[in-house]
């Protein structure tokens, strides 16, 4: 004859519940460079704009006639 026992603790307060909660809802990980990423993107955009303006300046100073569409 088999005996069955009713569980006395259920939910997230048990050890298995805490393990399941840790798998389903992990803590948010913050990497070291996540905070600096927007600054780096802005600096790269500024660098690209400076390089583009210098390229346009050199094109105008050399007197070359360029068109956006090639023939």
PDB file of N, CA and C in Angstrom:
ATOM      1  N   UNK A   1       0.820  -1.169   0.000  1.00  0.00           N
ATOM      2  CA  UNK A   1       0.000   0.000   0.000  1.00  0.00           C
ATOM      3  C   UNK A   1       0.881   1.255   0.000  1.00  0.00           C
ATOM      4  N   UNK A   2       0.593   2.182  -0.923  1.00  0.00           N
ATOM      5  CA  UNK A   2       1.386   3.398  -1.040  1.00  0.00           C
ATOM      6  C   UNK A   2       0.772   4.513  -0.205  1.00  0.00           C
ATOM      7  N   UNK A   3       1.660   5.288   0.388  1.00  0.00           N
ATOM      8  CA  UNK A   3       1.192   6.437   1.165  1.00  0.00           C
ATOM      9  C   UNK A   3       1.574   7.711   0.422  1.00  0.00           C
ATOM     10  N   UNK A   4       0.662   8.652   0.398  1.00  0.00           N
ATOM     11  CA  UNK A   4       0.896   9.928  -0.247  1.00  0.00           C
ATOM     12  C   UNK A   4       0.877  11.023   0.808  1.00  0.00           C
ATOM     13  N   UNK A   5       1.749  11.991   0.591  1.00  0.00           N
ATOM     14  CA  UNK A   5       1.803  13.091   1.536  1.00  0.00           C
ATOM     15  C   UNK A   5       1.506  14.378   0.774  1.00  0.00           C
ATOM     16  N   UNK A   6       0.707  15.216   1.349  1.00  0.00           N
ATOM     17  CA  UNK A   6       0.371  16.502   0.724  1.00  0.00           C
ATOM     18  C   UNK A   6       1.523  17.477   0.948  1.00  0.00           C
ATOM     19  N   UNK A   7       1.839  18.279  -0.064  1.00  0.00           N
ATOM     20  CA  UNK A   7       2.926  19.258   0.121  1.00  0.00           C
ATOM     21  C   UNK A   7       2.502  20.332   1.114  1.00  0.00           C
ATOM     22  N   UNK A   8       3.442  20.735   1.952  1.00  0.00           N
ATOM     23  CA  UNK A   8       3.125  21.747   2.938  1.00  0.00           C
ATOM     24  C   UNK A   8       3.630  23.135   2.538  1.00  0.00           C
ATOM     25  N   UNK A   9       4.549  23.243   1.572  1.00  0.00           N
ATOM     26  CA  UNK A   9       5.012  24.535   1.070  1.00  0.00           C
ATOM     27  C   UNK A   9       4.967  24.521  -0.452  1.00  0.00           C
ATOM     28  N   UNK A  10       4.366  25.519  -1.011  1.00  0.00           N
ATOM     29  CA  UNK A  10       4.353  25.669  -2.471  1.00  0.00           C
ATOM     30  C   UNK A  10       4.680  27.105  -2.809  1.00  0.00           C
ATOM     31  N   UNK A  11       5.011  27.327  -4.044  1.00  0.00           N
ATOM     32  CA  UNK A  11       5.274  28.695  -4.488  1.00  0.00           C
ATOM     33  C   UNK A  11       6.760  28.980  -4.590  1.00  0.00           C
ATOM     34  N   UNK A  12       7.090  30.254  -4.602  1.00  0.00           N
ATOM     35  CA  UNK A  12       8.462  30.704  -4.814  1.00  0.00           C
ATOM     36  C   UNK A  12       9.292  30.689  -3.535  1.00  0.00           C
ATOM     37  N   UNK A  13       8.689  30.362  -2.407  1.00  0.00           N
ATOM     38  CA  UNK A  13       9.457  30.390  -1.157  1.00  0.00           C
ATOM     39  C   UNK A  13      10.243  29.104  -0.932  1.00  0.00           C
ATOM     40  N   UNK A  14       9.994  28.074  -1.724  1.00  0.00           N
ATOM     41  CA  UNK A  14      10.745  26.830  -1.569  1.00  0.00           C
ATOM     42  C   UNK A  14      12.041  26.905  -2.357  1.00  0.00           C
ATOM     43  N   UNK A  15      12.917  25.958  -2.157  1.00  0.00           N
ATOM     44  CA  UNK A  15      14.205  25.967  -2.866  1.00  0.00           C
ATOM     45  C   UNK A  15      14.006  25.746  -4.365  1.00  0.00           C
ATOM     46  N   UNK A  16      13.085  24.858  -4.734  1.00  0.00           N
ATOM     47  CA  UNK A  16      12.819  24.648  -6.162  1.00  0.00           C
ATOM     48  C   UNK A  16      12.136  25.864  -6.777  1.00  0.00           C
ATOM     49  N   UNK A  17      11.282  26.500  -6.003  1.00  0.00           N
ATOM     50  CA  UNK A  17      10.632  27.718  -6.493  1.00  0.00           C
ATOM     51  C   UNK A  17      11.627  28.841  -6.712  1.00  0.00           C
ATOM     52  N   UNK A  18      12.603  28.957  -5.813  1.00  0.00           N
ATOM     53  CA  UNK A  18      13.643  29.977  -5.981  1.00  0.00           C
ATOM     54  C   UNK A  18      14.522  29.679  -7.186  1.00  0.00           C
ATOM     55  N   UNK A  19      14.799  28.390  -7.419  1.00  0.00           N
ATOM     56  CA  UNK A  19      15.577  28.006  -8.594  1.00  0.00           C
ATOM     57  C   UNK A  19      14.813  28.326  -9.874  1.00  0.00           C
ATOM     58  N   UNK A  20      13.525  28.017  -9.898  1.00  0.00           N
ATOM     59  CA  UNK A  20      12.697  28.320 -11.058  1.00  0.00           C
ATOM     60  C   UNK A  20      12.600  29.821 -11.286  1.00  0.00           C
ATOM     61  N   UNK A  21      12.468  30.597 -10.225  1.00  0.00           N
ATOM     62  CA  UNK A  21      12.406  32.052 -10.348  1.00  0.00           C
ATOM     63  C   UNK A  21      13.724  32.613 -10.865  1.00  0.00           C
ATOM     64  N   UNK A  22      14.835  32.023 -10.445  1.00  0.00           N
ATOM     65  CA  UNK A  22      16.140  32.490 -10.920  1.00  0.00           C
ATOM     66  C   UNK A  22      16.328  32.196 -12.404  1.00  0.00           C
ATOM     67  N   UNK A  23      15.743  31.088 -12.881  1.00  0.00           N
ATOM     68  CA  UNK A  23      15.858  30.749 -14.303  1.00  0.00           C
ATOM     69  C   UNK A  23      14.920  31.613 -15.136  1.00  0.00           C
ATOM     70  N   UNK A  24      13.689  31.774 -14.682  1.00  0.00           N
ATOM     71  CA  UNK A  24      12.697  32.510 -15.467  1.00  0.00           C
ATOM     72  C   UNK A  24      12.904  34.017 -15.415  1.00  0.00           C
ATOM     73  N   UNK A  25      13.344  34.542 -14.298  1.00  0.00           N
ATOM     74  CA  UNK A  25      13.504  35.983 -14.117  1.00  0.00           C
ATOM     75  C   UNK A  25      14.924  36.284 -13.627  1.00  0.00           C
ATOM     76  N   UNK A  26      15.906  36.209 -14.515  1.00  0.00           N
ATOM     77  CA  UNK A  26      17.283  36.468 -14.070  1.00  0.00           C
ATOM     78  C   UNK A  26      17.483  37.955 -13.756  1.00  0.00           C
ATOM     79  N   UNK A  27      18.493  38.205 -12.958  1.00  0.00           N
ATOM     80  CA  UNK A  27      18.816  39.594 -12.622  1.00  0.00           C
ATOM     81  C   UNK A  27      19.375  40.299 -13.852  1.00  0.00           C
ATOM     82  N   UNK A  28      19.074  41.572 -13.967  1.00  0.00           N
ATOM     83  CA  UNK A  28      19.551  42.361 -15.094  1.00  0.00           C
ATOM     84  C   UNK A  28      21.067  42.539 -14.974  1.00  0.00           C
ATOM     85  N   UNK A  29      21.775  42.150 -16.037  1.00  0.00           N
ATOM     86  CA  UNK A  29      23.228  42.273 -16.021  1.00  0.00           C
ATOM     87  C   UNK A  29      23.620  43.604 -16.651  1.00  0.00           C
ATOM     88  N   UNK A  30      24.491  44.328 -15.993  1.00  0.00           N
ATOM     89  CA  UNK A  30      24.990  45.595 -16.504  1.00  0.00           C
ATOM     90  C   UNK A  30      26.471  45.406 -16.787  1.00  0.00           C
ATOM     91  N   UNK A  31      26.835  45.579 -18.050  1.00  0.00           N
ATOM     92  CA  UNK A  31      28.223  45.424 -18.414  1.00  0.00           C
ATOM     93  C   UNK A  31      28.994  46.716 -18.140  1.00  0.00           C
ATOM     94  N   UNK A  32      30.279  46.611 -18.141  1.00  0.00           N
ATOM     95  CA  UNK A  32      31.136  47.732 -17.786  1.00  0.00           C
ATOM     96  C   UNK A  32      31.003  48.875 -18.790  1.00  0.00           C
ATOM     97  N   UNK A  33      30.810  48.554 -20.071  1.00  0.00           N
ATOM     98  CA  UNK A  33      30.835  49.575 -21.108  1.00  0.00           C
ATOM     99  C   UNK A  33      29.444  50.005 -21.558  1.00  0.00           C
ATOM    100  N   UNK A  34      28.386  49.502 -20.938  1.00  0.00           N
ATOM    101  CA  UNK A  34      27.034  49.893 -21.329  1.00  0.00           C
ATOM    102  C   UNK A  34      26.771  51.369 -21.098  1.00  0.00           C
ATOM    103  N   UNK A  35      27.335  51.921 -20.046  1.00  0.00           N
ATOM    104  CA  UNK A  35      27.109  53.326 -19.731  1.00  0.00           C
ATOM    105  C   UNK A  35      27.874  54.241 -20.677  1.00  0.00           C
ATOM    106  N   UNK A  36      28.989  53.783 -21.226  1.00  0.00           N
ATOM    107  CA  UNK A  36      29.812  54.617 -22.095  1.00  0.00           C
ATOM    108  C   UNK A  36      29.424  54.508 -23.563  1.00  0.00           C
ATOM    109  N   UNK A  37      28.553  53.580 -23.908  1.00  0.00           N
ATOM    110  CA  UNK A  37      28.214  53.345 -25.308  1.00  0.00           C
ATOM    111  C   UNK A  37      27.578  54.557 -25.986  1.00  0.00           C
ATOM    112  N   UNK A  38      26.611  55.265 -25.394  1.00  0.00           N
ATOM    113  CA  UNK A  38      26.066  56.445 -26.070  1.00  0.00           C
ATOM    114  C   UNK A  38      27.114  57.534 -26.319  1.00  0.00           C
ATOM    115  N   UNK A  39      28.048  57.691 -25.408  1.00  0.00           N
ATOM    116  CA  UNK A  39      29.103  58.687 -25.581  1.00  0.00           C
ATOM    117  C   UNK A  39      29.991  58.318 -26.773  1.00  0.00           C
ATOM    118  N   UNK A  40      30.310  57.047 -26.904  1.00  0.00           N
ATOM    119  CA  UNK A  40      31.154  56.584 -28.005  1.00  0.00           C
ATOM    120  C   UNK A  40      30.443  56.773 -29.338  1.00  0.00           C
ATOM    121  N   UNK A  41      29.149  56.487 -29.384  1.00  0.00           N
ATOM    122  CA  UNK A  41      28.392  56.664 -30.633  1.00  0.00           C
ATOM    123  C   UNK A  41      28.342  58.133 -31.025  1.00  0.00           C
ATOM    124  N   UNK A  42      28.132  59.015 -30.077  1.00  0.00           N
ATOM    125  CA  UNK A  42      28.100  60.461 -30.369  1.00  0.00           C
ATOM    126  C   UNK A  42      29.464  60.930 -30.855  1.00  0.00           C
ATOM    127  N   UNK A  43      30.532  60.462 -30.217  1.00  0.00           N
ATOM    128  CA  UNK A  43      31.872  60.855 -30.664  1.00  0.00           C
ATOM    129  C   UNK A  43      32.171  60.349 -32.074  1.00  0.00           C
ATOM    130  N   UNK A  44      31.728  59.147 -32.399  1.00  0.00           N
ATOM    131  CA  UNK A  44      31.938  58.623 -33.753  1.00  0.00           C
ATOM    132  C   UNK A  44      31.138  59.405 -34.790  1.00  0.00           C
ATOM    133  N   UNK A  45      29.929  59.837 -34.439  1.00  0.00           N
ATOM    134  CA  UNK A  45      29.144  60.657 -35.360  1.00  0.00           C
ATOM    135  C   UNK A  45      29.802  62.021 -35.587  1.00  0.00           C
ATOM    136  N   UNK A  46      30.324  62.606 -34.539  1.00  0.00           N
ATOM    137  CA  UNK A  46      31.027  63.887 -34.682  1.00  0.00           C
ATOM    138  C   UNK A  46      32.269  63.713 -35.546  1.00  0.00           C
ATOM    139  N   UNK A  47      32.997  62.628 -35.339  1.00  0.00           N
ATOM    140  CA  UNK A  47      34.187  62.342 -36.143  1.00  0.00           C
ATOM    141  C   UNK A  47      33.819  62.162 -37.617  1.00  0.00           C
ATOM    142  N   UNK A  48      32.714  61.470 -37.874  1.00  0.00           N
ATOM    143  CA  UNK A  48      32.279  61.261 -39.257  1.00  0.00           C
ATOM    144  C   UNK A  48      31.888  62.576 -39.914  1.00  0.00           C
ATOM    145  N   UNK A  49      31.214  63.444 -39.174  1.00  0.00           N
ATOM    146  CA  UNK A  49      30.832  64.746 -39.737  1.00  0.00           C
ATOM    147  C   UNK A  49      32.056  65.611 -40.018  1.00  0.00           C
ATOM    148  N   UNK A  50      33.038  65.574 -39.147  1.00  0.00           N
ATOM    149  CA  UNK A  50      34.268  66.350 -39.372  1.00  0.00           C
ATOM    150  C   UNK A  50      35.006  65.814 -40.602  1.00  0.00           C
ATOM    151  N   UNK A  51      35.125  64.507 -40.726  1.00  0.00           N
ATOM    152  CA  UNK A  51      35.801  63.920 -41.889  1.00  0.00           C
ATOM    153  C   UNK A  51      35.048  64.226 -43.181  1.00  0.00           C
ATOM    154  N   UNK A  52      33.727  64.190 -43.144  1.00  0.00           N
ATOM    155  CA  UNK A  52      32.930  64.489 -44.328  1.00  0.00           C
ATOM    156  C   UNK A  52      33.088  65.949 -44.730  1.00  0.00           C
ATOM    157  N   UNK A  53      33.108  66.844 -43.752  1.00  0.00           N
ATOM    158  CA  UNK A  53      33.266  68.261 -44.085  1.00  0.00           C
ATOM    159  C   UNK A  53      34.668  68.548 -44.620  1.00  0.00           C
ATOM    160  N   UNK A  54      35.675  67.887 -44.095  1.00  0.00           N
ATOM    161  CA  UNK A  54      37.035  68.057 -44.623  1.00  0.00           C
ATOM    162  C   UNK A  54      37.119  67.532 -46.046  1.00  0.00           C
ATOM    163  N   UNK A  55      36.476  66.420 -46.336  1.00  0.00           N
ATOM    164  CA  UNK A  55      36.467  65.878 -47.696  1.00  0.00           C
ATOM    165  C   UNK A  55      35.787  66.845 -48.656  1.00  0.00           C
ATOM    166  N   UNK A  56      34.678  67.444 -48.230  1.00  0.00           N
ATOM    167  CA  UNK A  56      34.004  68.431 -49.081  1.00  0.00           C
ATOM    168  C   UNK A  56      34.868  69.680 -49.267  1.00  0.00           C
ATOM    169  N   UNK A  57      35.572  70.074 -48.245  1.00  0.00           N
ATOM    170  CA  UNK A  57      36.464  71.231 -48.344  1.00  0.00           C
ATOM    171  C   UNK A  57      37.581  70.960 -49.338  1.00  0.00           C
ATOM    172  N   UNK A  58      38.182  69.779 -49.282  1.00  0.00           N
ATOM    173  CA  UNK A  58      39.237  69.431 -50.233  1.00  0.00           C
ATOM    174  C   UNK A  58      38.708  69.371 -51.662  1.00  0.00           C
ATOM    175  N   UNK A  59      37.487  68.878 -51.831  1.00  0.00           N
ATOM    176  CA  UNK A  59      36.902  68.853 -53.168  1.00  0.00           C
ATOM    177  C   UNK A  59      36.716  70.257 -53.717  1.00  0.00           C
ATOM    178  N   UNK A  60      36.279  71.181 -52.885  1.00  0.00           N
ATOM    179  CA  UNK A  60      36.080  72.556 -53.331  1.00  0.00           C
ATOM    180  C   UNK A  60      37.405  73.270 -53.576  1.00  0.00           C
ATOM    181  N   UNK A  61      38.420  72.995 -52.761  1.00  0.00           N
ATOM    182  CA  UNK A  61      39.710  73.673 -52.922  1.00  0.00           C
ATOM    183  C   UNK A  61      40.450  73.201 -54.163  1.00  0.00           C
ATOM    184  N   UNK A  62      40.283  71.960 -54.552  1.00  0.00           N
ATOM    185  CA  UNK A  62      40.977  71.464 -55.738  1.00  0.00           C
ATOM    186  C   UNK A  62      40.263  71.869 -57.019  1.00  0.00           C
ATOM    187  N   UNK A  63      39.033  72.340 -56.901  1.00  0.00           N
ATOM    188  CA  UNK A  63      38.311  72.787 -58.085  1.00  0.00           C
ATOM    189  C   UNK A  63      37.747  71.661 -58.915  1.00  0.00           C
ATOM    190  N   UNK A  64      37.693  70.476 -58.381  1.00  0.00           N
ATOM    191  CA  UNK A  64      37.163  69.361 -59.155  1.00  0.00           C
ATOM    192  C   UNK A  64      35.644  69.477 -59.224  1.00  0.00           C
ATOM    193  N   UNK A  65      35.135  69.174 -60.410  1.00  0.00           N
ATOM    194  CA  UNK A  65      33.691  69.211 -60.585  1.00  0.00           C
ATOM    195  C   UNK A  65      33.176  67.784 -60.477  1.00  0.00           C
ATOM    196  N   UNK A  66      32.537  67.524 -59.410  1.00  0.00           N
ATOM    197  CA  UNK A  66      32.012  66.179 -59.196  1.00  0.00           C
ATOM    198  C   UNK A  66      30.495  66.234 -59.189  1.00  0.00           C
ATOM    199  N   UNK A  67      29.914  65.143 -59.562  1.00  0.00           N
ATOM    200  CA  UNK A  67      28.463  65.030 -59.558  1.00  0.00           C
ATOM    201  C   UNK A  67      28.108  63.797 -58.717  1.00  0.00           C
ATOM    202  N   UNK A  68      26.929  63.797 -58.168  1.00  0.00           N
ATOM    203  CA  UNK A  68      26.505  62.671 -57.370  1.00  0.00           C
ATOM    204  C   UNK A  68      26.184  61.455 -58.239  1.00  0.00           C
ATOM    205  N   UNK A  69      25.780  61.719 -59.475  1.00  0.00           N
ATOM    206  CA  UNK A  69      25.452  60.622 -60.381  1.00  0.00           C
ATOM    207  C   UNK A  69      26.543  60.564 -61.449  1.00  0.00           C
ATOM    208  N   UNK A  70      27.094  59.378 -61.651  1.00  0.00           N
ATOM    209  CA  UNK A  70      28.126  59.235 -62.665  1.00  0.00           C
ATOM    210  C   UNK A  70      27.489  58.970 -64.021  1.00  0.00           C
ATOM    211  N   UNK A  71      28.189  59.293 -65.027  1.00  0.00           N
ATOM    212  CA  UNK A  71      27.645  59.112 -66.385  1.00  0.00           C
ATOM    213  C   UNK A  71      28.079  57.811 -66.966  1.00  0.00           C
TER     214      UNK A  71
END
